[in-house]
């Protein structure tokens, strides 16, 4: 297979293992604009070993506010890029971050942790010493608790992070491993189970996750009196993770069993007592009420006795201990209904390859005139959406006009440059210049162009989608182990539409499906 590099307006070399002078990882920090973010960046700037890793701040607020004065970043010893994920939750924010990263590893930090002075040196050492079967490295968290009194219920809950497995407050993953499993499942809208789900999928795929030596401090965030009630929404996420990984997921992750069965019993006895009272069945109401009182008292005691037992804490525990069982059960039911048909997460592809003529620009047979290039409606917006989500894009195109002698390579290069001028930069161009009778292995429907593009970017064909307007585009994708999406136009035959595994009405609809993991 041969192609001509002279016709390509832009090329990107595949990711390779860096030498010791290059950063081995990118730091991704999802943020919602907390004041602690600047403290985190200051800690990173004052590391015992100068940090050279690039930092991607992913602002997950719906409103477009600056995360810091722009000039503030100028004094930092590492490059900082701000991305915006639009308030879609931490899973989507982390996905946006790692997809923009181009280093072999991606390291996630929460915006409210405080890295130790030697954190970066420890991180680099942790990542360099792992074996090839290790896909993740977990940092060690320490939660400072008050020394002059017993910790509150909220403080003890936060302290539970210290020994918890797979907490992305400080967690690094191989970028290839993230791509292989589609990253974080964005159906987890809260920072609760999305990290556990990802690690379960990564280990199920054959990888291992090891503890590292680096340390961060995770201070207890300020919270109001009802934070424990609001946290019961996590039962929705528990229902999803149970649907995806089965009942044994807690044992596999060493997670606490939780109190949901006891909460169900508390709600059942409470409702029974109320129903019997309204029906005038006093004895049944008394027995059920006694059961509810016993369960609620046990729950209250379990929360109060380890704590400071001051009047405010006791009052807070008394009020929330009554409400929590009902909130937990409601959220658990909601989760089981919402996620009853949930399928394994696929995520967006790592690379989208597009046919040129008829797919992103209108087909002008054997076009040699750059001024004749006309983008398909919505093509620039669709491609920019992929780029903004960190998904690489490329072009795979048959250009037999060169092999037939109808256009020159110089003319083809000028047309390609115009395509790129109008539609933005492409990460890779792969094109066949042979005439049809040359029996090459690159002309679509052969898989050569797709395989070449994937190899040059270091992307697994199985995480690649090819979008085109005719059957040979889809066939080339299938032959390469990629997924083909057909976007029909006037040149598409009916049988090609019928045979295509995936069909989209237009390029925008195809991008919607890809970003939603439907491919």
Protein backbone atom coordinates (compact mmCIF):
# COMPACT_ATOMS: atom_id res chain seq x y z
CA UNK A 1 0.00 0.00 0.00
CA UNK A 2 1.36 3.41 -0.92
CA UNK A 3 0.05 6.90 -0.44
CA UNK A 4 1.62 10.23 -1.21
CA UNK A 5 2.58 12.36 1.74
CA UNK A 6 2.90 15.39 -0.53
CA UNK A 7 -0.88 15.62 -0.82
CA UNK A 8 -1.48 15.76 2.93
CA UNK A 9 -1.89 19.26 4.40
CA UNK A 10 -1.48 18.04 7.97
CA UNK A 11 -0.12 14.98 9.73
CA UNK A 12 0.16 13.90 13.34
CA UNK A 13 2.62 11.29 14.52
CA UNK A 14 1.40 8.42 16.71
CA UNK A 15 1.72 8.61 20.48
CA UNK A 16 5.00 7.04 21.59
CA UNK A 17 6.57 6.35 24.95
CA UNK A 18 8.34 9.58 25.94
CA UNK A 19 11.95 9.80 26.99
CA UNK A 20 12.90 10.83 30.49
CA UNK A 21 12.77 14.55 29.64
CA UNK A 22 9.13 14.48 28.53
CA UNK A 23 6.09 14.40 30.81
CA UNK A 24 4.81 10.88 31.25
CA UNK A 25 1.35 12.07 32.30
CA UNK A 26 -1.19 14.85 31.94
CA UNK A 27 -2.91 16.17 35.08
CA UNK A 28 -6.69 16.47 34.67
CA UNK A 29 -8.55 18.49 37.30
CA UNK A 30 -12.37 18.68 37.03
CA UNK A 31 -13.60 21.76 38.85
CA UNK A 32 -16.79 23.59 39.71
CA UNK A 33 -14.95 26.77 40.63
CA UNK A 34 -14.13 26.05 44.27
CA UNK A 35 -11.70 28.42 45.97
CA UNK A 36 -9.54 25.41 46.77
CA UNK A 37 -8.57 25.08 43.10
CA UNK A 38 -6.05 27.91 43.30
CA UNK A 39 -4.56 26.38 46.45
CA UNK A 40 -4.16 23.09 44.59
CA UNK A 41 -2.37 24.79 41.70
CA UNK A 42 -0.11 26.66 44.10
CA UNK A 43 0.81 23.34 45.74
CA UNK A 44 1.64 21.88 42.34
CA UNK A 45 3.78 24.91 41.52
CA UNK A 46 5.84 24.46 44.71
CA UNK A 47 6.68 20.77 44.32
CA UNK A 48 10.12 19.55 45.43
CA UNK A 49 10.64 18.36 41.84
CA UNK A 50 9.58 20.92 39.25
CA UNK A 51 6.38 19.70 37.64
CA UNK A 52 6.51 19.63 33.84
CA UNK A 53 3.27 17.74 33.22
CA UNK A 54 0.59 19.76 31.43
CA UNK A 55 -2.55 20.54 33.45
CA UNK A 56 -6.05 20.41 31.95
CA UNK A 57 -8.65 22.20 34.07
CA UNK A 58 -12.12 21.04 33.08
CA UNK A 59 -14.66 23.61 34.22
CA UNK A 60 -17.93 21.76 34.76
CA UNK A 61 -20.09 24.77 35.60
CA UNK A 62 -23.02 25.55 33.34
CA UNK A 63 -22.19 29.24 33.43
CA UNK A 64 -19.12 30.51 31.61
CA UNK A 65 -17.06 32.05 34.41
CA UNK A 66 -13.25 32.32 34.56
CA UNK A 67 -11.67 29.76 36.89
CA UNK A 68 -8.91 32.28 37.67
CA UNK A 69 -7.65 35.60 36.32
CA UNK A 70 -5.97 34.73 32.98
CA UNK A 71 -2.63 36.27 33.99
CA UNK A 72 -2.58 34.12 37.13
CA UNK A 73 -1.53 31.07 35.08
CA UNK A 74 1.49 32.88 33.62
CA UNK A 75 3.58 32.37 36.75
CA UNK A 76 3.04 28.62 36.94
CA UNK A 77 5.94 26.38 35.84
CA UNK A 78 3.62 24.08 33.87
CA UNK A 79 1.20 24.75 31.00
CA UNK A 80 -2.49 25.08 31.93
CA UNK A 81 -5.39 24.65 29.51
CA UNK A 82 -9.00 25.31 30.49
CA UNK A 83 -11.73 23.16 28.92
CA UNK A 84 -15.46 23.49 29.52
CA UNK A 85 -17.81 20.54 29.89
CA UNK A 86 -21.02 22.48 30.48
CA UNK A 87 -22.22 21.08 33.79
CA UNK A 88 -22.60 17.46 32.67
CA UNK A 89 -21.05 15.99 35.81
CA UNK A 90 -17.62 14.74 36.86
CA UNK A 91 -17.65 11.65 34.64
CA UNK A 92 -18.18 13.75 31.51
CA UNK A 93 -15.62 16.30 32.74
CA UNK A 94 -12.97 13.63 33.24
CA UNK A 95 -13.74 12.14 29.84
CA UNK A 96 -13.25 15.51 28.21
CA UNK A 97 -9.93 15.85 29.99
CA UNK A 98 -8.38 12.48 29.12
CA UNK A 99 -9.53 12.65 25.50
CA UNK A 100 -7.58 15.89 25.10
CA UNK A 101 -4.50 14.35 26.73
CA UNK A 102 -1.76 12.95 24.50
CA UNK A 103 0.57 11.48 27.13
CA UNK A 104 0.76 7.74 27.89
CA UNK A 105 -0.78 8.31 31.35
CA UNK A 106 -3.56 10.56 32.59
CA UNK A 107 -3.64 11.56 36.28
CA UNK A 108 -6.86 12.80 37.86
CA UNK A 109 -6.92 15.12 40.87
CA UNK A 110 -9.95 16.60 42.61
CA UNK A 111 -9.94 20.37 42.94
CA UNK A 112 -10.10 20.24 46.74
CA UNK A 113 -7.10 18.01 47.54
CA UNK A 114 -3.71 19.20 48.77
CA UNK A 115 -0.77 17.28 47.27
CA UNK A 116 2.23 16.63 49.47
CA UNK A 117 5.41 18.53 48.66
CA UNK A 118 6.93 15.49 46.95
CA UNK A 119 3.68 14.40 45.28
CA UNK A 120 4.85 14.90 41.70
CA UNK A 121 8.15 13.10 42.28
CA UNK A 122 6.19 10.23 43.81
CA UNK A 123 3.73 10.21 40.92
CA UNK A 124 6.47 9.96 38.29
CA UNK A 125 8.15 7.17 40.23
CA UNK A 126 4.84 5.32 40.73
CA UNK A 127 4.12 5.41 36.99
CA UNK A 128 7.60 4.44 35.87
CA UNK A 129 7.86 1.37 38.06
CA UNK A 130 4.54 -0.32 37.20
CA UNK A 131 4.47 -3.42 35.04
CA UNK A 132 2.84 -3.59 31.61
CA UNK A 133 -0.27 -5.26 33.01
CA UNK A 134 -0.94 -2.35 35.39
CA UNK A 135 -3.52 0.05 33.97
CA UNK A 136 -4.02 2.26 37.02
CA UNK A 137 -2.14 3.70 39.99
CA UNK A 138 -3.99 4.98 43.04
CA UNK A 139 -2.56 7.64 45.32
CA UNK A 140 -2.95 7.54 49.09
CA UNK A 141 -5.45 9.91 50.68
CA UNK A 142 -5.30 11.25 54.20
CA UNK A 143 -8.30 12.99 55.73
CA UNK A 144 -7.37 15.29 58.64
CA UNK A 145 -9.79 15.02 61.56
CA UNK A 146 -10.01 17.27 64.64
CA UNK A 147 -7.67 16.29 67.44
CA UNK A 148 -9.60 17.97 70.25
CA UNK A 149 -12.92 16.14 69.83
CA UNK A 150 -14.57 13.13 68.24
CA UNK A 151 -15.37 13.55 64.53
CA UNK A 152 -18.89 14.34 63.39
CA UNK A 153 -20.94 12.02 61.20
CA UNK A 154 -19.97 14.02 58.10
CA UNK A 155 -16.30 14.00 59.05
CA UNK A 156 -16.33 10.24 59.60
CA UNK A 157 -18.04 9.77 56.23
CA UNK A 158 -15.30 11.76 54.50
CA UNK A 159 -12.60 9.88 56.44
CA UNK A 160 -13.88 6.69 54.84
CA UNK A 161 -12.09 7.77 51.66
CA UNK A 162 -8.72 7.00 53.27
CA UNK A 163 -8.89 3.27 52.74
CA UNK A 164 -11.36 3.15 49.89
CA UNK A 165 -10.37 1.46 46.66
CA UNK A 166 -10.34 3.34 43.38
CA UNK A 167 -10.97 6.94 44.37
CA UNK A 168 -10.27 9.38 41.54
CA UNK A 169 -9.39 12.17 43.96
CA UNK A 170 -5.86 10.96 43.08
CA UNK A 171 -5.84 8.25 40.44
CA UNK A 172 -3.79 7.69 37.28
CA UNK A 173 -4.71 5.54 34.29
CA UNK A 174 -2.99 4.54 31.11
CA UNK A 175 -4.64 6.56 28.38
CA UNK A 176 -4.89 3.45 26.20
CA UNK A 177 -6.80 1.66 28.98
CA UNK A 178 -9.27 4.55 29.25
CA UNK A 179 -9.82 4.48 25.49
CA UNK A 180 -10.25 0.71 25.47
CA UNK A 181 -13.23 0.83 27.87
CA UNK A 182 -14.71 4.12 26.68
CA UNK A 183 -13.69 6.11 29.75
CA UNK A 184 -16.06 7.04 32.56
CA UNK A 185 -19.74 6.10 32.28
CA UNK A 186 -21.55 9.42 31.97
CA UNK A 187 -24.78 7.90 33.25
CA UNK A 188 -23.22 8.43 36.69
CA UNK A 189 -23.92 12.18 37.06
CA UNK A 190 -22.32 12.52 40.51
CA UNK A 191 -18.88 11.96 41.97
CA UNK A 192 -19.90 8.76 43.68
CA UNK A 193 -19.63 5.45 41.78
CA UNK A 194 -18.24 6.49 38.39
CA UNK A 195 -14.69 5.73 39.50
CA UNK A 196 -15.55 2.28 40.89
CA UNK A 197 -17.44 1.40 37.71
CA UNK A 198 -14.50 2.41 35.52
CA UNK A 199 -12.04 0.38 37.56
CA UNK A 200 -14.30 -2.66 37.51
CA UNK A 201 -14.42 -2.50 33.72
CA UNK A 202 -10.67 -1.95 33.45
CA UNK A 203 -9.87 -4.91 35.68
CA UNK A 204 -12.47 -7.09 33.99
CA UNK A 205 -10.58 -6.39 30.75
CA UNK A 206 -7.46 -7.94 32.32
CA UNK A 207 -5.66 -4.95 33.81
CA UNK A 208 -4.47 -4.38 37.38
CA UNK A 209 -4.64 -1.31 39.59
CA UNK A 210 -1.93 -0.77 42.17
CA UNK A 211 -1.46 1.50 45.16
CA UNK A 212 1.20 4.15 44.65
CA UNK A 213 3.43 5.86 47.21
CA UNK A 214 2.37 9.48 46.59
CA UNK A 215 0.07 11.20 49.08
CA UNK A 216 -2.55 13.94 49.08
CA UNK A 217 -4.48 15.56 51.87
CA UNK A 218 -8.27 15.53 51.48
CA UNK A 219 -9.73 18.12 53.89
CA UNK A 220 -13.34 17.74 55.00
CA UNK A 221 -15.52 20.10 52.99
CA UNK A 222 -17.93 22.40 54.86
CA UNK A 223 -21.45 20.98 54.85
CA UNK A 224 -24.89 21.94 56.09
CA UNK A 225 -27.12 19.95 58.44
CA UNK A 226 -28.89 18.03 55.66
CA UNK A 227 -25.93 16.84 53.61
CA UNK A 228 -26.41 13.25 54.77
CA UNK A 229 -29.96 13.25 53.41
CA UNK A 230 -28.93 14.63 50.03
CA UNK A 231 -26.21 11.99 49.75
CA UNK A 232 -28.89 9.30 49.62
CA UNK A 233 -29.24 10.09 45.93
CA UNK A 234 -26.20 7.84 45.61
CA UNK A 235 -28.61 4.92 45.83
CA UNK A 236 -29.59 5.72 42.24
CA UNK A 237 -25.97 5.15 41.22
CA UNK A 238 -25.78 1.98 43.30
CA UNK A 239 -28.71 0.62 41.31
CA UNK A 240 -26.86 1.30 38.05
CA UNK A 241 -23.62 -0.29 39.18
CA UNK A 242 -25.51 -3.33 40.43
CA UNK A 243 -27.26 -3.63 37.08
CA UNK A 244 -23.92 -3.45 35.25
CA UNK A 245 -21.75 -5.59 37.54
CA UNK A 246 -24.10 -7.79 39.52
CA UNK A 247 -24.81 -8.10 43.24
CA UNK A 248 -21.22 -9.03 44.08
CA UNK A 249 -19.79 -5.65 43.08
CA UNK A 250 -19.42 -4.56 46.72
CA UNK A 251 -17.40 -7.64 47.64
CA UNK A 252 -15.16 -7.16 44.59
CA UNK A 253 -14.43 -3.55 45.56
CA UNK A 254 -14.35 -4.05 49.34
CA UNK A 255 -17.16 -1.51 49.65
CA UNK A 256 -19.28 -1.37 52.79
CA UNK A 257 -22.54 -3.26 52.50
CA UNK A 258 -24.62 -0.22 53.44
CA UNK A 259 -27.87 -0.05 55.34
CA UNK A 260 -30.40 -0.24 52.53
CA UNK A 261 -32.01 -3.49 53.77
CA UNK A 262 -32.44 -1.93 57.23
CA UNK A 263 -33.77 1.26 55.65
CA UNK A 264 -36.32 -0.82 53.73
CA UNK A 265 -37.41 -2.45 57.01
CA UNK A 266 -37.64 0.97 58.69
CA UNK A 267 -39.80 2.38 55.90
CA UNK A 268 -41.99 -0.74 55.84
CA UNK A 269 -42.68 -0.63 59.58
CA UNK A 270 -43.26 3.12 59.47
CA UNK A 271 -45.75 2.88 56.64
CA UNK A 272 -47.43 -0.12 58.29
CA UNK A 273 -47.85 1.84 61.51
CA UNK A 274 -49.35 4.80 59.64
CA UNK A 275 -51.67 2.63 57.56
CA UNK A 276 -52.89 0.65 60.61
CA UNK A 277 -53.48 3.87 62.54
CA UNK A 278 -55.61 5.29 59.74
CA UNK A 279 -57.53 2.00 59.56
CA UNK A 280 -58.18 2.03 63.29
CA UNK A 281 -56.16 -1.13 63.96
CA UNK A 282 -54.46 0.04 67.13
CA UNK A 283 -52.68 -3.17 68.08
CA UNK A 284 -51.12 -3.59 64.63
CA UNK A 285 -50.20 0.09 64.65
CA UNK A 286 -48.54 -0.27 68.05
CA UNK A 287 -46.47 -3.28 67.02
CA UNK A 288 -45.41 -1.69 63.74
CA UNK A 289 -44.69 1.59 65.50
CA UNK A 290 -42.51 -0.22 68.03
CA UNK A 291 -40.57 -1.81 65.20
CA UNK A 292 -40.07 1.56 63.48
CA UNK A 293 -38.95 3.14 66.76
CA UNK A 294 -36.47 0.37 67.46
CA UNK A 295 -34.94 0.54 63.98
CA UNK A 296 -34.76 4.33 64.00
CA UNK A 297 -33.24 4.38 67.49
CA UNK A 298 -30.60 1.84 66.49
CA UNK A 299 -29.71 3.94 63.44
CA UNK A 300 -29.56 7.11 65.52
CA UNK A 301 -27.35 5.47 68.13
CA UNK A 302 -24.96 4.14 65.48
CA UNK A 303 -24.48 7.69 64.24
CA UNK A 304 -24.39 9.55 67.55
CA UNK A 305 -22.21 7.35 69.78
CA UNK A 306 -18.97 7.65 67.75
CA UNK A 307 -19.43 11.41 67.43
CA UNK A 308 -18.91 14.44 69.64
CA UNK A 309 -22.43 14.09 71.15
CA UNK A 310 -22.88 17.83 71.53
CA UNK A 311 -26.47 19.13 71.41
CA UNK A 312 -26.24 20.41 67.83
CA UNK A 313 -24.81 17.15 66.49
CA UNK A 314 -27.40 15.08 68.38
CA UNK A 315 -30.23 17.25 67.06
CA UNK A 316 -28.86 16.99 63.53
CA UNK A 317 -28.58 13.20 63.81
CA UNK A 318 -32.07 12.87 65.26
CA UNK A 319 -33.71 14.82 62.44
CA UNK A 320 -31.79 13.20 59.60
CA UNK A 321 -32.06 9.67 61.02
CA UNK A 322 -35.83 9.91 60.61
CA UNK A 323 -35.63 11.16 57.03
CA UNK A 324 -32.70 9.15 55.64
CA UNK A 325 -34.40 5.71 55.43
CA UNK A 326 -37.28 7.13 53.40
CA UNK A 327 -34.94 9.10 51.10
CA UNK A 328 -32.70 6.06 50.60
CA UNK A 329 -35.60 3.80 49.63
CA UNK A 330 -37.13 6.35 47.26
CA UNK A 331 -33.81 6.86 45.48
CA UNK A 332 -33.13 3.11 45.35
CA UNK A 333 -36.51 2.48 43.70
CA UNK A 334 -35.94 5.36 41.30
CA UNK A 335 -32.54 3.94 40.35
CA UNK A 336 -33.84 0.44 39.70
CA UNK A 337 -36.62 1.79 37.49
CA UNK A 338 -34.37 4.23 35.63
CA UNK A 339 -31.58 1.73 35.00
CA UNK A 340 -33.54 -1.50 34.65
CA UNK A 341 -32.50 -1.87 31.00
CA UNK A 342 -29.02 -0.32 31.22
CA UNK A 343 -26.47 -1.83 28.85
CA UNK A 344 -22.67 -1.80 29.28
CA UNK A 345 -21.09 1.59 28.64
CA UNK A 346 -19.35 2.05 25.32
CA UNK A 347 -18.49 5.74 25.36
CA UNK A 348 -17.48 7.86 22.42
CA UNK A 349 -14.94 6.52 19.90
CA UNK A 350 -11.30 7.52 20.13
CA UNK A 351 -11.05 8.34 16.43
CA UNK A 352 -13.59 9.26 13.74
CA UNK A 353 -12.46 8.86 10.14
CA UNK A 354 -14.54 10.49 7.43
CA UNK A 355 -14.80 10.02 3.71
CA UNK A 356 -14.12 13.29 1.90
CA UNK A 357 -16.29 13.62 -1.21
CA UNK A 358 -20.00 13.33 -0.53
CA UNK A 359 -19.57 13.15 3.25
CA UNK A 360 -17.88 16.34 4.45
CA UNK A 361 -17.72 18.22 1.11
CA UNK A 362 -19.98 17.99 -1.91
CA UNK A 363 -18.70 15.57 -4.52
CA UNK A 364 -17.09 17.21 -7.55
CA UNK A 365 -15.69 14.34 -9.67
CA UNK A 366 -11.89 14.52 -9.95
CA UNK A 367 -11.89 18.02 -8.51
CA UNK A 368 -8.67 19.97 -9.13
CA UNK A 369 -10.02 23.43 -8.22
CA UNK A 370 -9.85 24.52 -4.56
CA UNK A 371 -12.52 27.14 -5.23
CA UNK A 372 -14.98 24.36 -6.12
CA UNK A 373 -14.83 22.91 -2.59
CA UNK A 374 -18.20 23.31 -0.84
CA UNK A 375 -18.69 21.84 2.64
CA UNK A 376 -21.76 19.76 3.34
CA UNK A 377 -24.26 21.65 5.51
CA UNK A 378 -23.34 21.41 9.18
CA UNK A 379 -19.99 19.69 8.51
CA UNK A 380 -17.82 22.28 10.28
CA UNK A 381 -20.10 22.34 13.34
CA UNK A 382 -20.18 18.53 13.52
CA UNK A 383 -16.41 18.20 13.22
CA UNK A 384 -15.83 20.92 15.82
CA UNK A 385 -18.11 19.09 18.24
CA UNK A 386 -15.93 16.01 17.92
CA UNK A 387 -12.77 18.07 18.37
CA UNK A 388 -14.17 19.91 21.39
CA UNK A 389 -14.86 16.54 23.01
CA UNK A 390 -11.24 15.50 22.49
CA UNK A 391 -12.06 12.98 19.75
CA UNK A 392 -9.52 12.85 16.96
CA UNK A 393 -10.77 13.21 13.38
CA UNK A 394 -9.23 12.18 10.09
CA UNK A 395 -9.96 11.74 6.41
CA UNK A 396 -9.84 8.45 4.49
CA UNK A 397 -10.47 8.98 0.80
CA UNK A 398 -10.06 7.26 -2.56
CA UNK A 399 -8.52 9.69 -5.05
CA UNK A 400 -8.12 7.60 -8.18
CA UNK A 401 -7.97 10.76 -10.32
CA UNK A 402 -4.24 10.85 -9.59
CA UNK A 403 -3.71 7.26 -10.70
CA UNK A 404 -5.85 7.84 -13.81
CA UNK A 405 -3.81 10.92 -14.72
CA UNK A 406 -6.81 13.22 -14.49
CA UNK A 407 -5.39 15.43 -11.72
CA UNK A 408 -1.93 15.96 -10.31
CA UNK A 409 -0.76 15.36 -6.77
CA UNK A 410 -0.12 19.09 -6.48
CA UNK A 411 -3.71 19.87 -7.46
CA UNK A 412 -5.02 17.27 -5.03
CA UNK A 413 -2.90 18.78 -2.26
CA UNK A 414 -4.34 22.24 -2.98
CA UNK A 415 -7.90 20.88 -2.80
CA UNK A 416 -7.15 19.08 0.48
CA UNK A 417 -5.65 22.26 1.92
CA UNK A 418 -8.87 24.10 1.03
CA UNK A 419 -10.94 21.38 2.71
CA UNK A 420 -8.89 21.81 5.85
CA UNK A 421 -9.10 25.60 5.65
CA UNK A 422 -12.90 25.42 5.59
CA UNK A 423 -13.46 22.51 7.99
CA UNK A 424 -10.60 22.85 10.48
CA UNK A 425 -7.53 20.71 11.20
CA UNK A 426 -7.55 16.94 10.81
CA UNK A 427 -5.32 14.68 12.87
CA UNK A 428 -4.57 12.38 9.96
CA UNK A 429 -5.14 12.11 6.21
CA UNK A 430 -4.98 8.70 4.57
CA UNK A 431 -5.73 8.43 0.89
CA UNK A 432 -5.41 6.00 -1.97
CA UNK A 433 -4.01 7.50 -5.19
CA UNK A 434 -4.21 4.29 -7.25
CA UNK A 435 -6.41 3.65 -10.24
CA UNK A 436 -9.05 0.95 -9.65
CA UNK A 437 -7.27 -1.60 -11.85
CA UNK A 438 -4.04 -1.47 -9.82
CA UNK A 439 -5.36 -4.06 -7.32
CA UNK A 440 -3.99 -2.22 -4.27
CA UNK A 441 -4.95 -3.00 -0.68
CA UNK A 442 -5.68 0.59 0.27
CA UNK A 443 -8.56 1.54 -2.02
CA UNK A 444 -11.86 1.31 -0.15
CA UNK A 445 -13.58 -1.15 0.38
CA UNK A 446 -10.18 -2.61 1.29
CA UNK A 447 -9.15 -1.84 4.88
CA UNK A 448 -5.73 -0.31 4.16
CA UNK A 449 -6.60 3.37 4.59
CA UNK A 450 -8.38 2.78 7.89
CA UNK A 451 -5.58 0.61 9.27
CA UNK A 452 -2.96 3.13 8.19
CA UNK A 453 -4.74 6.03 9.88
CA UNK A 454 -5.18 4.05 13.10
CA UNK A 455 -1.54 2.94 13.11
CA UNK A 456 -0.24 6.46 12.61
CA UNK A 457 -2.25 7.74 15.57
CA UNK A 458 -1.75 4.67 17.74
CA UNK A 459 -5.51 4.06 17.97
CA UNK A 460 -7.18 0.65 18.21
CA UNK A 461 -9.36 0.09 15.10
CA UNK A 462 -11.98 -1.33 17.46
CA UNK A 463 -12.34 2.17 18.99
CA UNK A 464 -12.60 3.80 15.56
CA UNK A 465 -15.63 4.83 13.51
CA UNK A 466 -15.65 5.44 9.76
CA UNK A 467 -18.36 7.75 8.42
CA UNK A 468 -19.13 7.72 4.72
CA UNK A 469 -21.85 8.02 2.11
CA UNK A 470 -21.47 4.76 0.16
CA UNK A 471 -21.17 1.07 0.89
CA UNK A 472 -17.41 0.88 0.27
CA UNK A 473 -16.81 3.23 3.22
CA UNK A 474 -18.77 0.95 5.53
CA UNK A 475 -17.13 -2.16 4.07
CA UNK A 476 -13.64 -0.72 4.62
CA UNK A 477 -14.51 -0.04 8.26
CA UNK A 478 -15.74 -3.58 8.80
CA UNK A 479 -12.72 -5.12 7.11
CA UNK A 480 -10.41 -3.12 9.40
CA UNK A 481 -12.28 -4.05 12.58
CA UNK A 482 -13.77 -0.56 12.92
CA UNK A 483 -17.43 0.49 12.93
CA UNK A 484 -19.01 2.01 9.84
CA UNK A 485 -21.75 4.63 9.82
CA UNK A 486 -23.53 5.41 6.57
CA UNK A 487 -24.82 8.95 5.94
CA UNK A 488 -26.81 8.56 2.70
CA UNK A 489 -27.09 11.17 -0.03
CA UNK A 490 -28.32 11.17 -3.59
CA UNK A 491 -25.49 8.90 -4.70
CA UNK A 492 -26.17 6.20 -2.09
CA UNK A 493 -27.91 3.10 -3.42
CA UNK A 494 -30.91 1.64 -1.63
CA UNK A 495 -29.20 -1.70 -1.06
CA UNK A 496 -26.26 0.09 0.58
CA UNK A 497 -28.62 1.67 3.09
CA UNK A 498 -30.31 -1.67 3.74
CA UNK A 499 -26.99 -3.44 4.28
CA UNK A 500 -25.38 -0.79 6.50
CA UNK A 501 -25.21 -1.70 10.22
CA UNK A 502 -25.66 1.94 11.27
CA UNK A 503 -27.37 4.70 9.29
CA UNK A 504 -27.66 8.37 10.23
CA UNK A 505 -29.85 10.95 8.52
CA UNK A 506 -27.02 13.49 8.34
CA UNK A 507 -23.57 14.18 9.74
CA UNK A 508 -24.95 15.99 12.78
CA UNK A 509 -27.13 13.01 13.69
CA UNK A 510 -24.14 10.70 13.29
CA UNK A 511 -22.11 12.85 15.72
CA UNK A 512 -25.01 12.84 18.20
CA UNK A 513 -24.99 9.05 18.18
CA UNK A 514 -21.21 8.79 18.53
CA UNK A 515 -21.02 11.21 21.45
CA UNK A 516 -23.85 9.30 23.11
CA UNK A 517 -21.99 5.99 22.78
CA UNK A 518 -24.48 4.59 20.24
CA UNK A 519 -22.14 3.02 17.72
